[in-house]
């Protein structure tokens, strides 16, 4: 059987039987307010903009070979880690035995803010956080939009990352992102038998350690090796290995808007270390929070275009997927109609940039649907955020839409190959 057709069957079967004995269809039927007819990837421009991504996806699923880098960026919906964690699981479970890498993340506990459940962070020393979403903060942020700084000599950090099945992600190379500063403490890895090489990339802003074998936890200490050293600032972590598969990077900052990320002066330089093949833009809920008179769709689109340009400079062929805002309320009392203008703005941007849209606003039921989600235990009382069950449902819907689009791509390729 041709590989393309074989993959169509694989994907269809996977999405009919999934999870704990329930199919996605059965899951969705529990929520009659969902607009499932809208659960698809809408291409505004040429669908061919996703061809590279889908071709590599076909190689991974059909042959177990190849790597794909996916980056999901947003605000608190992403920092919480439930939505992105479930998406990571879905991609990793598409092909048994093909797991890929953990991807870029920030150890939020150091910044005294909520840390996703699927990686554990412990530390010693006193640390101070600095977030791009906090207007009073002024820092040289990188890709994560969050810094944590310590002046404690011999401060230490331990990180263990695992998937939802409690299986740890292994790595034989690690990147610790931090400013290139001669006054910074030096990094000493603990619990490592041998470091094959150590490299400082002063442009991308990280120190890379190539290790002698795979490890499943990272432990490092900050040591003073020069009298001028008096602090250390961490901007992110990236675990790498030689395995083929999907890597799902999650970048989220509580309260972040598009201008928040435009404040990150090292964003583009550090993005070069990630090289995403697909960027999922989930920023917008904080841009649109407030009275309608305070939201400018034109300014919103112009800001977003600046951010898009950063990604396109790093990878001109990156596939772009916009996630429209979920339905929400302002001050828990007023339906936020700015979501409609965000939706229109994202469609305009997708048209201009040959990108795609996954219309969460319409899929979840449109204006005032957040109340229905709340009544079903899917959304929190603030009528903005979701429960774990709600985020998992979003991930189920979005990943099905992506995989349906992939199946359509395979079908087109199969037809083109017919004699």
Protein backbone atom coordinates (compact mmCIF):
# COMPACT_ATOMS: atom_id res chain seq x y z
CA UNK A 1 0.00 0.00 0.00
CA UNK A 2 1.38 3.48 -0.84
CA UNK A 3 2.69 5.29 2.25
CA UNK A 4 0.33 8.25 1.78
CA UNK A 5 -2.79 6.06 1.76
CA UNK A 6 -1.48 3.99 4.65
CA UNK A 7 -1.05 7.13 6.73
CA UNK A 8 -4.59 8.30 6.01
CA UNK A 9 -5.87 5.04 7.48
CA UNK A 10 -3.52 5.27 10.46
CA UNK A 11 -4.69 8.79 11.32
CA UNK A 12 -8.39 7.94 10.90
CA UNK A 13 -8.14 4.90 13.17
CA UNK A 14 -6.15 6.82 15.77
CA UNK A 15 -8.77 9.51 16.06
CA UNK A 16 -11.70 7.11 16.29
CA UNK A 17 -10.35 5.15 19.24
CA UNK A 18 -8.36 7.18 21.77
CA UNK A 19 -7.73 7.71 25.47
CA UNK A 20 -9.59 5.71 28.12
CA UNK A 21 -12.03 3.84 25.95
CA UNK A 22 -13.90 6.85 24.58
CA UNK A 23 -13.58 8.10 21.05
CA UNK A 24 -13.19 11.79 20.39
CA UNK A 25 -16.64 11.70 18.78
CA UNK A 26 -18.12 10.43 22.03
CA UNK A 27 -16.24 13.07 24.00
CA UNK A 28 -17.55 15.86 21.83
CA UNK A 29 -21.14 14.61 21.90
CA UNK A 30 -21.22 15.37 25.63
CA UNK A 31 -21.14 19.06 24.74
CA UNK A 32 -23.96 19.89 22.31
CA UNK A 33 -23.05 23.59 22.34
CA UNK A 34 -19.83 22.87 20.42
CA UNK A 35 -19.92 23.99 16.79
CA UNK A 36 -18.10 20.94 15.43
CA UNK A 37 -18.72 21.95 11.82
CA UNK A 38 -16.19 24.73 12.43
CA UNK A 39 -13.55 22.38 13.86
CA UNK A 40 -11.13 22.60 10.97
CA UNK A 41 -8.01 24.47 9.95
CA UNK A 42 -9.07 27.31 7.68
CA UNK A 43 -6.41 28.35 5.16
CA UNK A 44 -6.44 31.98 4.11
CA UNK A 45 -4.15 31.76 1.13
CA UNK A 46 -2.42 28.67 -0.21
CA UNK A 47 -2.67 25.47 1.86
CA UNK A 48 0.75 24.76 0.36
CA UNK A 49 2.18 26.96 3.13
CA UNK A 50 1.83 23.87 5.37
CA UNK A 51 3.26 21.42 2.82
CA UNK A 52 6.75 21.31 4.34
CA UNK A 53 5.33 20.69 7.81
CA UNK A 54 2.94 17.99 6.60
CA UNK A 55 5.61 16.34 4.45
CA UNK A 56 7.90 15.99 7.47
CA UNK A 57 4.94 14.79 9.52
CA UNK A 58 4.38 12.09 6.92
CA UNK A 59 8.02 11.02 7.18
CA UNK A 60 7.77 10.76 10.96
CA UNK A 61 4.53 8.77 10.94
CA UNK A 62 5.32 6.63 7.90
CA UNK A 63 9.01 5.95 8.40
CA UNK A 64 9.76 7.00 11.97
CA UNK A 65 12.29 9.47 10.62
CA UNK A 66 12.58 13.23 10.72
CA UNK A 67 12.17 16.05 13.21
CA UNK A 68 9.54 18.75 13.54
CA UNK A 69 9.73 21.80 15.80
CA UNK A 70 6.38 23.23 16.93
CA UNK A 71 6.16 26.37 19.05
CA UNK A 72 3.01 27.48 20.88
CA UNK A 73 3.07 31.03 22.26
CA UNK A 74 0.49 32.82 24.36
CA UNK A 75 -0.39 34.08 27.83
CA UNK A 76 -1.68 32.27 30.91
CA UNK A 77 -3.45 29.65 28.78
CA UNK A 78 0.00 28.48 27.69
CA UNK A 79 1.96 29.10 30.89
CA UNK A 80 -0.46 26.84 32.77
CA UNK A 81 0.89 23.99 30.65
CA UNK A 82 -2.28 21.90 30.43
CA UNK A 83 -3.23 22.83 26.86
CA UNK A 84 0.33 22.66 25.52
CA UNK A 85 1.08 19.53 27.56
CA UNK A 86 -1.93 17.71 26.10
CA UNK A 87 -0.96 18.84 22.58
CA UNK A 88 2.56 17.52 23.16
CA UNK A 89 1.12 14.19 24.27
CA UNK A 90 -1.12 13.99 21.21
CA UNK A 91 1.78 14.51 18.81
CA UNK A 92 4.02 12.09 20.68
CA UNK A 93 1.31 9.43 20.70
CA UNK A 94 0.68 9.59 16.95
CA UNK A 95 3.49 7.12 16.30
CA UNK A 96 4.38 4.66 19.10
CA UNK A 97 8.07 4.66 19.80
CA UNK A 98 8.68 8.09 18.26
CA UNK A 99 8.87 10.63 21.06
CA UNK A 100 11.18 13.46 20.01
CA UNK A 101 12.48 16.07 22.42
CA UNK A 102 10.95 17.93 25.37
CA UNK A 103 11.50 21.37 23.90
CA UNK A 104 12.11 24.84 25.31
CA UNK A 105 10.62 25.85 28.67
CA UNK A 106 11.13 28.19 31.61
CA UNK A 107 11.48 27.05 35.25
CA UNK A 108 8.71 29.30 36.56
CA UNK A 109 9.16 28.33 40.20
CA UNK A 110 12.35 30.40 40.22
CA UNK A 111 10.27 33.47 39.28
CA UNK A 112 7.67 32.69 41.99
CA UNK A 113 4.86 32.08 39.52
CA UNK A 114 2.83 29.00 38.60
CA UNK A 115 4.83 26.14 37.11
CA UNK A 116 3.28 23.58 34.70
CA UNK A 117 2.64 20.18 36.22
CA UNK A 118 4.72 18.14 33.77
CA UNK A 119 8.13 19.32 34.90
CA UNK A 120 9.36 19.65 38.45
CA UNK A 121 11.66 22.43 39.59
CA UNK A 122 13.50 22.68 42.91
CA UNK A 123 16.15 25.19 43.88
CA UNK A 124 18.29 26.80 46.54
CA UNK A 125 19.19 30.47 46.86
CA UNK A 126 17.09 33.61 46.60
CA UNK A 127 15.63 34.34 43.15
CA UNK A 128 13.74 37.35 41.81
CA UNK A 129 11.37 37.08 38.84
CA UNK A 130 10.89 39.62 36.06
CA UNK A 131 8.05 39.26 33.48
CA UNK A 132 7.54 40.99 30.15
CA UNK A 133 3.79 41.22 30.88
CA UNK A 134 4.36 43.36 33.97
CA UNK A 135 4.64 46.95 32.80
CA UNK A 136 6.70 48.07 35.79
CA UNK A 137 9.35 45.39 35.12
CA UNK A 138 12.36 46.34 33.01
CA UNK A 139 14.62 43.48 31.94
CA UNK A 140 16.49 42.17 28.92
CA UNK A 141 14.13 39.28 28.23
CA UNK A 142 14.67 36.49 25.76
CA UNK A 143 12.33 34.00 24.13
CA UNK A 144 10.51 32.99 27.32
CA UNK A 145 9.54 36.54 28.28
CA UNK A 146 10.49 35.71 31.87
CA UNK A 147 13.76 36.11 33.77
CA UNK A 148 14.80 34.86 37.19
CA UNK A 149 17.90 36.36 38.82
CA UNK A 150 19.86 35.33 41.87
CA UNK A 151 22.74 36.96 43.70
CA UNK A 152 23.20 33.86 45.86
CA UNK A 153 26.58 32.26 45.32
CA UNK A 154 26.28 28.46 45.02
CA UNK A 155 22.56 28.67 44.25
CA UNK A 156 21.36 25.44 42.64
CA UNK A 157 18.56 24.23 40.38
CA UNK A 158 17.16 20.74 39.71
CA UNK A 159 14.70 20.06 36.86
CA UNK A 160 12.90 16.84 35.96
CA UNK A 161 10.60 16.82 32.90
CA UNK A 162 8.10 14.06 32.23
CA UNK A 163 5.08 13.37 30.07
CA UNK A 164 1.56 12.61 31.28
CA UNK A 165 2.42 8.92 31.65
CA UNK A 166 5.15 9.91 34.13
CA UNK A 167 7.85 8.93 31.65
CA UNK A 168 10.84 11.21 31.88
CA UNK A 169 12.26 12.98 28.85
CA UNK A 170 15.89 12.04 28.31
CA UNK A 171 18.51 14.34 26.83
CA UNK A 172 22.20 14.16 25.97
CA UNK A 173 22.51 17.87 25.31
CA UNK A 174 21.16 20.81 27.27
CA UNK A 175 21.02 24.53 26.60
CA UNK A 176 20.75 26.99 29.47
CA UNK A 177 19.68 30.40 28.19
CA UNK A 178 21.18 33.40 29.98
CA UNK A 179 22.66 36.82 29.15
CA UNK A 180 26.23 37.00 27.90
CA UNK A 181 27.64 38.85 30.89
CA UNK A 182 31.15 38.66 32.38
CA UNK A 183 29.66 39.40 35.81
CA UNK A 184 27.48 36.26 35.76
CA UNK A 185 28.28 33.23 37.90
CA UNK A 186 29.59 30.18 36.05
CA UNK A 187 27.44 27.09 35.51
CA UNK A 188 28.55 23.76 36.99
CA UNK A 189 26.54 20.64 36.10
CA UNK A 190 25.99 18.15 38.91
CA UNK A 191 25.47 14.40 38.57
CA UNK A 192 27.05 14.18 35.12
CA UNK A 193 29.79 11.61 34.50
CA UNK A 194 31.42 13.49 31.65
CA UNK A 195 30.86 16.65 29.61
CA UNK A 196 32.05 16.03 26.06
CA UNK A 197 32.01 19.71 25.17
CA UNK A 198 30.77 23.07 26.42
CA UNK A 199 29.88 25.88 24.04
CA UNK A 200 28.73 29.45 24.61
CA UNK A 201 26.58 30.95 21.83
CA UNK A 202 26.82 34.65 22.55
CA UNK A 203 24.33 35.58 19.79
CA UNK A 204 21.53 33.14 20.63
CA UNK A 205 22.25 33.63 24.31
CA UNK A 206 22.83 30.18 25.75
CA UNK A 207 25.48 27.84 27.09
CA UNK A 208 25.27 24.35 25.58
CA UNK A 209 26.56 21.20 27.25
CA UNK A 210 27.12 18.06 25.18
CA UNK A 211 26.93 15.07 27.53
CA UNK A 212 28.44 11.59 27.43
CA UNK A 213 25.12 9.74 27.63
CA UNK A 214 21.37 10.36 28.04
CA UNK A 215 20.15 11.82 31.34
CA UNK A 216 16.62 12.33 32.65
CA UNK A 217 17.22 15.17 35.12
CA UNK A 218 19.20 18.38 35.10
CA UNK A 219 21.04 19.60 38.16
CA UNK A 220 23.35 22.58 38.12
CA UNK A 221 25.01 24.96 40.53
CA UNK A 222 26.17 28.54 40.11
CA UNK A 223 29.74 29.12 41.21
CA UNK A 224 31.95 32.19 41.45
CA UNK A 225 35.07 31.66 39.35
CA UNK A 226 36.03 35.34 39.13
CA UNK A 227 35.83 38.17 41.62
CA UNK A 228 33.72 40.22 39.21
CA UNK A 229 30.91 37.63 39.18
CA UNK A 230 27.98 38.61 41.39
CA UNK A 231 24.72 37.29 39.90
CA UNK A 232 23.08 34.94 37.41
CA UNK A 233 19.95 35.39 35.28
CA UNK A 234 18.20 32.42 33.70
CA UNK A 235 15.97 32.90 30.63
CA UNK A 236 15.06 29.34 29.68
CA UNK A 237 16.05 25.70 29.30
CA UNK A 238 16.10 23.39 26.30
CA UNK A 239 16.59 19.61 26.46
CA UNK A 240 17.86 18.01 23.24
CA UNK A 241 18.55 14.48 22.02
CA UNK A 242 19.19 12.64 18.77
CA UNK A 243 15.71 11.10 18.56
CA UNK A 244 13.40 11.68 15.63
CA UNK A 245 9.88 12.95 16.24
CA UNK A 246 7.96 16.02 17.36
CA UNK A 247 9.24 18.75 19.66
CA UNK A 248 6.54 20.96 21.19
CA UNK A 249 7.91 24.19 22.67
CA UNK A 250 5.60 26.18 24.95
CA UNK A 251 6.16 29.89 25.57
CA UNK A 252 3.60 31.54 27.82
CA UNK A 253 3.57 34.39 30.33
CA UNK A 254 0.63 35.19 32.58
CA UNK A 255 -0.98 38.41 31.35
CA UNK A 256 1.10 38.61 28.16
CA UNK A 257 -0.16 40.51 25.13
CA UNK A 258 1.50 40.91 21.74
CA UNK A 259 3.36 44.08 22.87
CA UNK A 260 4.71 42.11 25.85
CA UNK A 261 6.72 39.87 23.53
CA UNK A 262 7.80 42.85 21.42
CA UNK A 263 9.56 44.09 24.58
CA UNK A 264 11.83 41.02 24.58
CA UNK A 265 15.03 42.32 22.99
CA UNK A 266 16.66 38.88 22.72
CA UNK A 267 13.51 37.15 21.44
CA UNK A 268 14.58 36.79 17.81
CA UNK A 269 18.16 35.77 18.62
CA UNK A 270 17.00 33.00 20.93
CA UNK A 271 14.29 31.95 18.48
CA UNK A 272 17.11 30.91 16.15
CA UNK A 273 17.93 28.10 18.59
CA UNK A 274 14.37 26.76 18.27
CA UNK A 275 13.87 27.09 14.50
CA UNK A 276 10.12 26.33 14.56
CA UNK A 277 8.53 24.62 11.55
CA UNK A 278 5.07 25.53 12.89
CA UNK A 279 4.17 28.49 15.10
CA UNK A 280 0.84 28.41 16.92
CA UNK A 281 -0.13 31.97 17.85
CA UNK A 282 -2.44 31.98 20.88
CA UNK A 283 -1.84 35.58 21.96
CA UNK A 284 -4.83 37.90 22.07
CA UNK A 285 -6.94 37.38 25.18
CA UNK A 286 -5.01 40.04 27.13
CA UNK A 287 -4.82 42.46 24.19
CA UNK A 288 -8.62 42.42 24.03
CA UNK A 289 -9.40 42.52 27.75
CA UNK A 290 -11.36 45.67 28.54
CA UNK A 291 -14.06 47.94 27.12
CA UNK A 292 -14.49 47.98 23.35
CA UNK A 293 -13.41 51.62 23.13
CA UNK A 294 -9.98 50.69 24.49
CA UNK A 295 -9.23 48.07 21.83
CA UNK A 296 -7.81 49.04 18.45
CA UNK A 297 -7.98 46.28 15.87
CA UNK A 298 -5.57 48.19 13.62
CA UNK A 299 -2.98 48.48 16.39
CA UNK A 300 -3.51 44.83 17.28
CA UNK A 301 -2.82 43.74 13.69
CA UNK A 302 0.21 46.02 13.36
CA UNK A 303 1.74 44.68 16.58
CA UNK A 304 1.11 41.08 15.51
CA UNK A 305 2.73 41.74 12.12
CA UNK A 306 5.91 42.86 13.89
CA UNK A 307 5.97 39.59 15.81
CA UNK A 308 5.26 37.54 12.69
CA UNK A 309 8.17 39.25 10.95
CA UNK A 310 10.53 38.01 13.66
CA UNK A 311 9.50 34.40 12.98
CA UNK A 312 9.70 34.83 9.22
CA UNK A 313 13.22 36.25 9.47
CA UNK A 314 14.31 33.18 11.41
CA UNK A 315 12.46 30.73 9.13
CA UNK A 316 10.86 32.18 5.98
CA UNK A 317 8.95 28.91 5.43
CA UNK A 318 7.47 28.60 8.93
CA UNK A 319 3.82 27.48 8.89
CA UNK A 320 1.59 29.84 10.88
CA UNK A 321 -1.58 28.89 12.73
CA UNK A 322 -3.65 31.50 14.59
CA UNK A 323 -5.90 30.52 17.52
CA UNK A 324 -8.76 32.95 17.91
CA UNK A 325 -9.63 34.13 21.42
CA UNK A 326 -11.94 32.02 23.50
CA UNK A 327 -15.22 33.64 24.47
CA UNK A 328 -14.72 35.51 27.74
CA UNK A 329 -16.17 38.14 30.05
CA UNK A 330 -14.76 41.47 31.18
CA UNK A 331 -14.83 41.79 34.98
CA UNK A 332 -16.96 38.61 35.03
CA UNK A 333 -20.01 40.71 34.09
CA UNK A 334 -19.73 41.87 30.51
CA UNK A 335 -19.48 39.67 27.45
CA UNK A 336 -16.21 40.64 25.75
CA UNK A 337 -17.20 41.46 22.17
CA UNK A 338 -13.58 42.37 21.40
CA UNK A 339 -13.14 38.66 20.69
CA UNK A 340 -15.02 39.23 17.44
CA UNK A 341 -12.54 41.93 16.43
CA UNK A 342 -9.58 39.76 17.39
CA UNK A 343 -11.05 37.02 15.21
CA UNK A 344 -11.38 39.42 12.29
CA UNK A 345 -7.85 40.71 12.88
CA UNK A 346 -6.41 37.20 12.83
CA UNK A 347 -8.23 36.39 9.60
CA UNK A 348 -6.79 39.57 8.09
CA UNK A 349 -3.30 38.61 9.26
CA UNK A 350 -3.70 35.05 7.97
CA UNK A 351 -4.78 36.38 4.58
CA UNK A 352 -1.84 38.78 4.45
CA UNK A 353 0.70 36.19 5.58
CA UNK A 354 -0.59 33.09 3.79
CA UNK A 355 -1.41 31.48 7.13
CA UNK A 356 -4.22 29.47 8.74
CA UNK A 357 -6.76 29.94 11.54
CA UNK A 358 -8.25 27.57 14.07
CA UNK A 359 -11.40 29.39 15.18
CA UNK A 360 -11.77 28.49 18.85
CA UNK A 361 -14.27 31.31 19.38
CA UNK A 362 -16.75 29.83 16.92
CA UNK A 363 -15.98 26.20 17.79
CA UNK A 364 -16.70 26.69 21.49
CA UNK A 365 -20.11 28.20 20.62
CA UNK A 366 -19.52 31.90 19.96
CA UNK A 367 -20.51 34.85 22.12
CA UNK A 368 -21.61 33.94 25.68
CA UNK A 369 -20.59 30.30 25.22
CA UNK A 370 -18.10 30.56 28.09
CA UNK A 371 -21.11 30.29 30.42
CA UNK A 372 -22.01 26.94 28.89
CA UNK A 373 -18.43 25.76 29.35
CA UNK A 374 -18.52 26.91 32.96
CA UNK A 375 -21.80 25.06 33.61
CA UNK A 376 -20.17 21.86 32.31
CA UNK A 377 -17.09 22.26 34.53
CA UNK A 378 -14.90 23.26 31.58
CA UNK A 379 -14.30 26.93 32.48
CA UNK A 380 -13.47 28.73 35.70
CA UNK A 381 -15.70 31.32 37.43
CA UNK A 382 -13.58 34.21 36.09
CA UNK A 383 -15.08 33.40 32.65
CA UNK A 384 -11.64 33.70 31.04
CA UNK A 385 -9.64 30.63 32.01
CA UNK A 386 -10.47 26.95 31.75
CA UNK A 387 -10.32 23.98 34.02
CA UNK A 388 -7.93 21.14 33.20
CA UNK A 389 -10.86 19.31 31.61
CA UNK A 390 -11.59 22.37 29.45
CA UNK A 391 -8.00 22.77 28.28
CA UNK A 392 -7.82 19.06 27.49
CA UNK A 393 -10.99 19.35 25.41
CA UNK A 394 -9.47 22.26 23.48
CA UNK A 395 -6.36 20.20 22.79
CA UNK A 396 -8.48 17.27 21.58
CA UNK A 397 -10.38 19.55 19.21
CA UNK A 398 -7.33 21.41 17.89
CA UNK A 399 -5.23 18.33 17.35
CA UNK A 400 -8.06 16.60 15.51
CA UNK A 401 -8.37 19.67 13.25
CA UNK A 402 -4.61 19.62 12.53
CA UNK A 403 -4.66 15.92 11.81
CA UNK A 404 -7.72 16.25 9.56
CA UNK A 405 -5.83 18.91 7.57
CA UNK A 406 -2.87 16.53 7.40
CA UNK A 407 -5.13 13.78 6.06
CA UNK A 408 -6.40 16.10 3.34
CA UNK A 409 -2.80 16.86 2.42
CA UNK A 410 -2.01 13.15 2.17
CA UNK A 411 -5.06 12.63 0.01
CA UNK A 412 -3.95 15.39 -2.37
CA UNK A 413 -0.47 13.89 -2.59
CA UNK A 414 -1.89 10.43 -3.27
CA UNK A 415 -4.11 11.73 -6.06
CA UNK A 416 -1.17 13.57 -7.59
CA UNK A 417 0.86 10.36 -7.63
CA UNK A 418 -1.80 8.30 -9.37
CA UNK A 419 -0.86 7.41 -12.98
